[in-house]
Each structure stands twice: as structure tokens, then as C-alpha cells.
C-alpha atoms as a PDB file:
ATOM      1  CA  MET A   1     -19.201   7.593 -26.534  1.00  0.00           C
ATOM      2  CA  GLU A   2     -17.539   4.986 -24.344  1.00  0.00           C
ATOM      3  CA  ALA A   3     -15.125   2.169 -25.034  1.00  0.00           C
ATOM      4  CA  LYS A   4     -14.044  -0.395 -22.501  1.00  0.00           C
ATOM      5  CA  ALA A   5     -11.908  -3.472 -21.981  1.00  0.00           C
ATOM      6  CA  ILE A   6     -11.978  -6.049 -19.195  1.00  0.00           C
ATOM      7  CA  ALA A   7      -9.278  -8.415 -17.921  1.00  0.00           C
ATOM      8  CA  LYS A   8     -10.504 -11.124 -15.548  1.00  0.00           C
ATOM      9  CA  TYR A   9      -8.786 -13.464 -13.096  1.00  0.00           C
ATOM     10  CA  ILE A  10      -5.517 -11.494 -13.082  1.00  0.00           C
ATOM     11  CA  ARG A  11      -3.010 -12.699 -10.473  1.00  0.00           C
ATOM     12  CA  VAL A  12      -2.418  -9.389  -8.722  1.00  0.00           C
ATOM     13  CA  SER A  13      -3.886  -8.219  -5.441  1.00  0.00           C
ATOM     14  CA  PRO A  14      -6.815  -5.798  -5.936  1.00  0.00           C
ATOM     15  CA  ARG A  15      -5.526  -3.582  -3.151  1.00  0.00           C
ATOM     16  CA  LYS A  16      -2.176  -3.103  -4.899  1.00  0.00           C
ATOM     17  CA  ALA A  17      -3.800  -2.660  -8.317  1.00  0.00           C
ATOM     18  CA  ARG A  18      -6.124   0.065  -6.999  1.00  0.00           C
ATOM     19  CA  LEU A  19      -3.106   2.141  -5.937  1.00  0.00           C
ATOM     20  CA  VAL A  20      -1.940   2.238  -9.554  1.00  0.00           C
ATOM     21  CA  ALA A  21      -5.454   2.677 -10.989  1.00  0.00           C
ATOM     22  CA  ARG A  22      -6.056   5.746  -8.824  1.00  0.00           C
ATOM     23  CA  ASN A  23      -3.094   7.517 -10.484  1.00  0.00           C
ATOM     24  CA  VAL A  24      -4.531   7.459 -14.015  1.00  0.00           C
ATOM     25  CA  ASN A  25      -8.256   8.160 -13.481  1.00  0.00           C
ATOM     26  CA  GLY A  26      -9.369  11.223 -15.439  1.00  0.00           C
ATOM     27  CA  MET A  27      -6.151  11.567 -17.470  1.00  0.00           C
ATOM     28  CA  PRO A  28      -5.910  11.799 -21.251  1.00  0.00           C
ATOM     29  CA  VAL A  29      -5.175   8.310 -22.600  1.00  0.00           C
ATOM     30  CA  GLU A  30      -1.744   9.193 -23.998  1.00  0.00           C
ATOM     31  CA  ASP A  31      -0.579  10.620 -20.657  1.00  0.00           C
ATOM     32  CA  ALA A  32      -2.047   7.670 -18.732  1.00  0.00           C
ATOM     33  CA  LEU A  33      -0.204   5.165 -20.934  1.00  0.00           C
ATOM     34  CA  ASN A  34       3.072   7.039 -20.362  1.00  0.00           C
ATOM     35  CA  VAL A  35       2.546   7.086 -16.592  1.00  0.00           C
ATOM     36  CA  LEU A  36       1.773   3.358 -16.563  1.00  0.00           C
ATOM     37  CA  LYS A  37       4.751   2.516 -18.757  1.00  0.00           C
ATOM     38  CA  PHE A  38       7.164   4.041 -16.232  1.00  0.00           C
ATOM     39  CA  THR A  39       5.458   2.864 -13.039  1.00  0.00           C
ATOM     40  CA  PRO A  40       7.514  -0.023 -11.585  1.00  0.00           C
ATOM     41  CA  ASN A  41       4.608  -2.206 -10.414  1.00  0.00           C
ATOM     42  CA  LYS A  42       3.279  -5.499 -11.718  1.00  0.00           C
ATOM     43  CA  ALA A  43      -0.219  -3.996 -11.712  1.00  0.00           C
ATOM     44  CA  ALA A  44       0.922  -1.061 -13.885  1.00  0.00           C
ATOM     45  CA  GLY A  45       1.964  -3.372 -16.704  1.00  0.00           C
ATOM     46  CA  ILE A  46      -1.349  -5.223 -16.559  1.00  0.00           C
ATOM     47  CA  ILE A  47      -3.441  -2.018 -16.491  1.00  0.00           C
ATOM     48  CA  TYR A  48      -1.314  -0.709 -19.390  1.00  0.00           C
ATOM     49  CA  LYS A  49      -2.280  -3.748 -21.503  1.00  0.00           C
ATOM     50  CA  VAL A  50      -5.983  -3.438 -20.630  1.00  0.00           C
ATOM     51  CA  MET A  51      -5.940   0.294 -21.433  1.00  0.00           C
ATOM     52  CA  HIS A  52      -4.218  -0.408 -24.746  1.00  0.00           C
ATOM     53  CA  SER A  53      -6.969  -2.930 -25.533  1.00  0.00           C
ATOM     54  CA  ALA A  54      -9.694  -0.378 -24.655  1.00  0.00           C
ATOM     55  CA  LEU A  55      -7.961   2.125 -26.946  1.00  0.00           C
ATOM     56  CA  ALA A  56      -7.966  -0.406 -29.796  1.00  0.00           C
ATOM     57  CA  ASN A  57     -11.657  -1.117 -29.125  1.00  0.00           C
ATOM     58  CA  ALA A  58     -12.434   2.609 -29.340  1.00  0.00           C
ATOM     59  CA  GLN A  59     -10.585   2.944 -32.642  1.00  0.00           C
ATOM     60  CA  GLU A  60     -12.043  -0.168 -34.221  1.00  0.00           C
ATOM     61  CA  ASN A  61     -15.631  -0.243 -32.954  1.00  0.00           C
ATOM     62  CA  GLN A  62     -16.541   3.421 -32.427  1.00  0.00           C
ATOM     63  CA  LYS A  63     -14.051   5.013 -34.867  1.00  0.00           C
ATOM     64  CA  ALA A  64     -13.100   7.392 -32.041  1.00  0.00           C
ATOM     65  CA  ASP A  65     -10.345   9.993 -32.285  1.00  0.00           C
ATOM     66  CA  VAL A  66      -7.449   8.823 -30.099  1.00  0.00           C
ATOM     67  CA  ASP A  67      -6.324  12.354 -29.200  1.00  0.00           C
ATOM     68  CA  THR A  68      -9.640  13.291 -27.549  1.00  0.00           C
ATOM     69  CA  LEU A  69     -10.051  10.138 -25.432  1.00  0.00           C
ATOM     70  CA  ARG A  70      -9.795  10.331 -21.648  1.00  0.00           C
ATOM     71  CA  VAL A  71      -9.729   7.661 -18.963  1.00  0.00           C
ATOM     72  CA  LYS A  72     -13.203   7.819 -17.455  1.00  0.00           C
ATOM     73  CA  GLN A  73     -12.618   5.096 -14.883  1.00  0.00           C
ATOM     74  CA  VAL A  74     -10.304   2.237 -14.006  1.00  0.00           C
ATOM     75  CA  ILE A  75     -12.222  -0.254 -11.861  1.00  0.00           C
ATOM     76  CA  VAL A  76     -10.438  -3.007  -9.935  1.00  0.00           C
ATOM     77  CA  ASN A  77     -12.767  -5.618  -8.437  1.00  0.00           C
ATOM     78  CA  GLU A  78     -11.807  -8.647  -6.416  1.00  0.00           C
ATOM     79  CA  GLY A  79     -11.815 -11.996  -8.199  1.00  0.00           C
ATOM     80  CA  PRO A  80     -11.750 -15.462  -6.647  1.00  0.00           C
ATOM     81  CA  THR A  81      -8.999 -16.175  -4.144  1.00  0.00           C
ATOM     82  CA  TRP A  82      -6.704 -19.171  -4.520  1.00  0.00           C
ATOM     83  CA  LYS A  83      -6.171 -20.885  -1.175  1.00  0.00           C
ATOM     84  CA  ARG A  84      -2.812 -22.538  -0.569  1.00  0.00           C
ATOM     85  CA  PHE A  85      -1.071 -24.002   2.472  1.00  0.00           C
ATOM     86  CA  MET A  86       2.433 -23.375   3.796  1.00  0.00           C
ATOM     87  CA  PRO A  87       3.844 -26.145   6.002  1.00  0.00           C
ATOM     88  CA  ARG A  88       5.103 -24.871   9.351  1.00  0.00           C
ATOM     89  CA  SER A  89       6.902 -26.461  12.252  1.00  0.00           C
ATOM     90  CA  GLN A  90       5.451 -29.225  14.427  1.00  0.00           C
ATOM     91  CA  GLY A  91       2.938 -30.415  11.832  1.00  0.00           C
ATOM     92  CA  ARG A  92       1.052 -27.141  11.556  1.00  0.00           C
ATOM     93  CA  ALA A  93       0.057 -25.324   8.361  1.00  0.00           C
ATOM     94  CA  ASN A  94      -0.680 -21.687   7.588  1.00  0.00           C
ATOM     95  CA  THR A  95      -3.020 -20.615   4.803  1.00  0.00           C
ATOM     96  CA  ILE A  96      -1.813 -18.411   1.974  1.00  0.00           C
ATOM     97  CA  LEU A  97      -4.407 -16.382   0.062  1.00  0.00           C
ATOM     98  CA  LYS A  98      -3.404 -15.700  -3.532  1.00  0.00           C
ATOM     99  CA  ARG A  99      -5.772 -12.958  -4.565  1.00  0.00           C
ATOM    100  CA  THR A 100      -6.976 -12.252  -8.098  1.00  0.00           C
ATOM    101  CA  SER A 101      -8.489  -9.166  -9.724  1.00  0.00           C
ATOM    102  CA  HIS A 102     -10.953  -8.212 -12.426  1.00  0.00           C
ATOM    103  CA  ILE A 103      -9.719  -4.988 -14.075  1.00  0.00           C
ATOM    104  CA  THR A 104     -12.025  -2.787 -16.197  1.00  0.00           C
ATOM    105  CA  VAL A 105     -10.849   0.290 -18.115  1.00  0.00           C
ATOM    106  CA  ILE A 106     -13.500   2.706 -19.469  1.00  0.00           C
ATOM    107  CA  LEU A 107     -12.507   5.439 -21.935  1.00  0.00           C
ATOM    108  CA  GLU A 108     -14.678   8.380 -23.062  1.00  0.00           C
ATOM    109  CA  ASP A 109     -14.497  11.342 -25.442  1.00  0.00           C
END
């Protein structure tokens, strides 16, 4: 039995979010939530919220036992990129790419 939650268009770089996601793959949910709570990254807080939502989905929709749930996979895909410009000297401009992520958390028994 699987339960999942998805957060889309999150303003965090997918590359940075994948570093955090890699740490919790395969862990029991309770341990993964504790690791995320004490990881000092922006992405950790976001993944924590998505995992908490997946846990609530498992309890409500599948009536799953919380103690037996494990993190099957945390998937971080790239979302659309916001393009911005930074004025530079002598009338030039550099582009700034503000990257977004789609984060999926899948839990299983």
C-alpha cells in the first residue's frame, strides 16, 4: 500500500533539494521526520511538510499504521525557471535563473 503527497512550484533549487532528499530515502517515516527537522536547509523544511502531508494521507485514506510506514522514495523534479535580470555596469544585464522544484514523497508499508 502506497501513500503520496506532491508539492509543485516550490522556490528551491532541485539540485539543493536532492541533496536533502537523498538522506531520507528508505528510512522509517518517524526517523526521516526527525532527520529533516534538524537539517538546517530550506529544502529540509519543505520536504518535512510534504512528508507530513503524505503521512496524513496514509492515515486518512488507507488507514495505514504509522509505525510500519517507510519512505519509499523522495523525488525532486525540476519545475519552471523564473528568468530575471540583474543590471550591470555600462548598460549591460546578466540573467538570473530562479529555479523551482516539484517534490513528491511516496510512503509504503
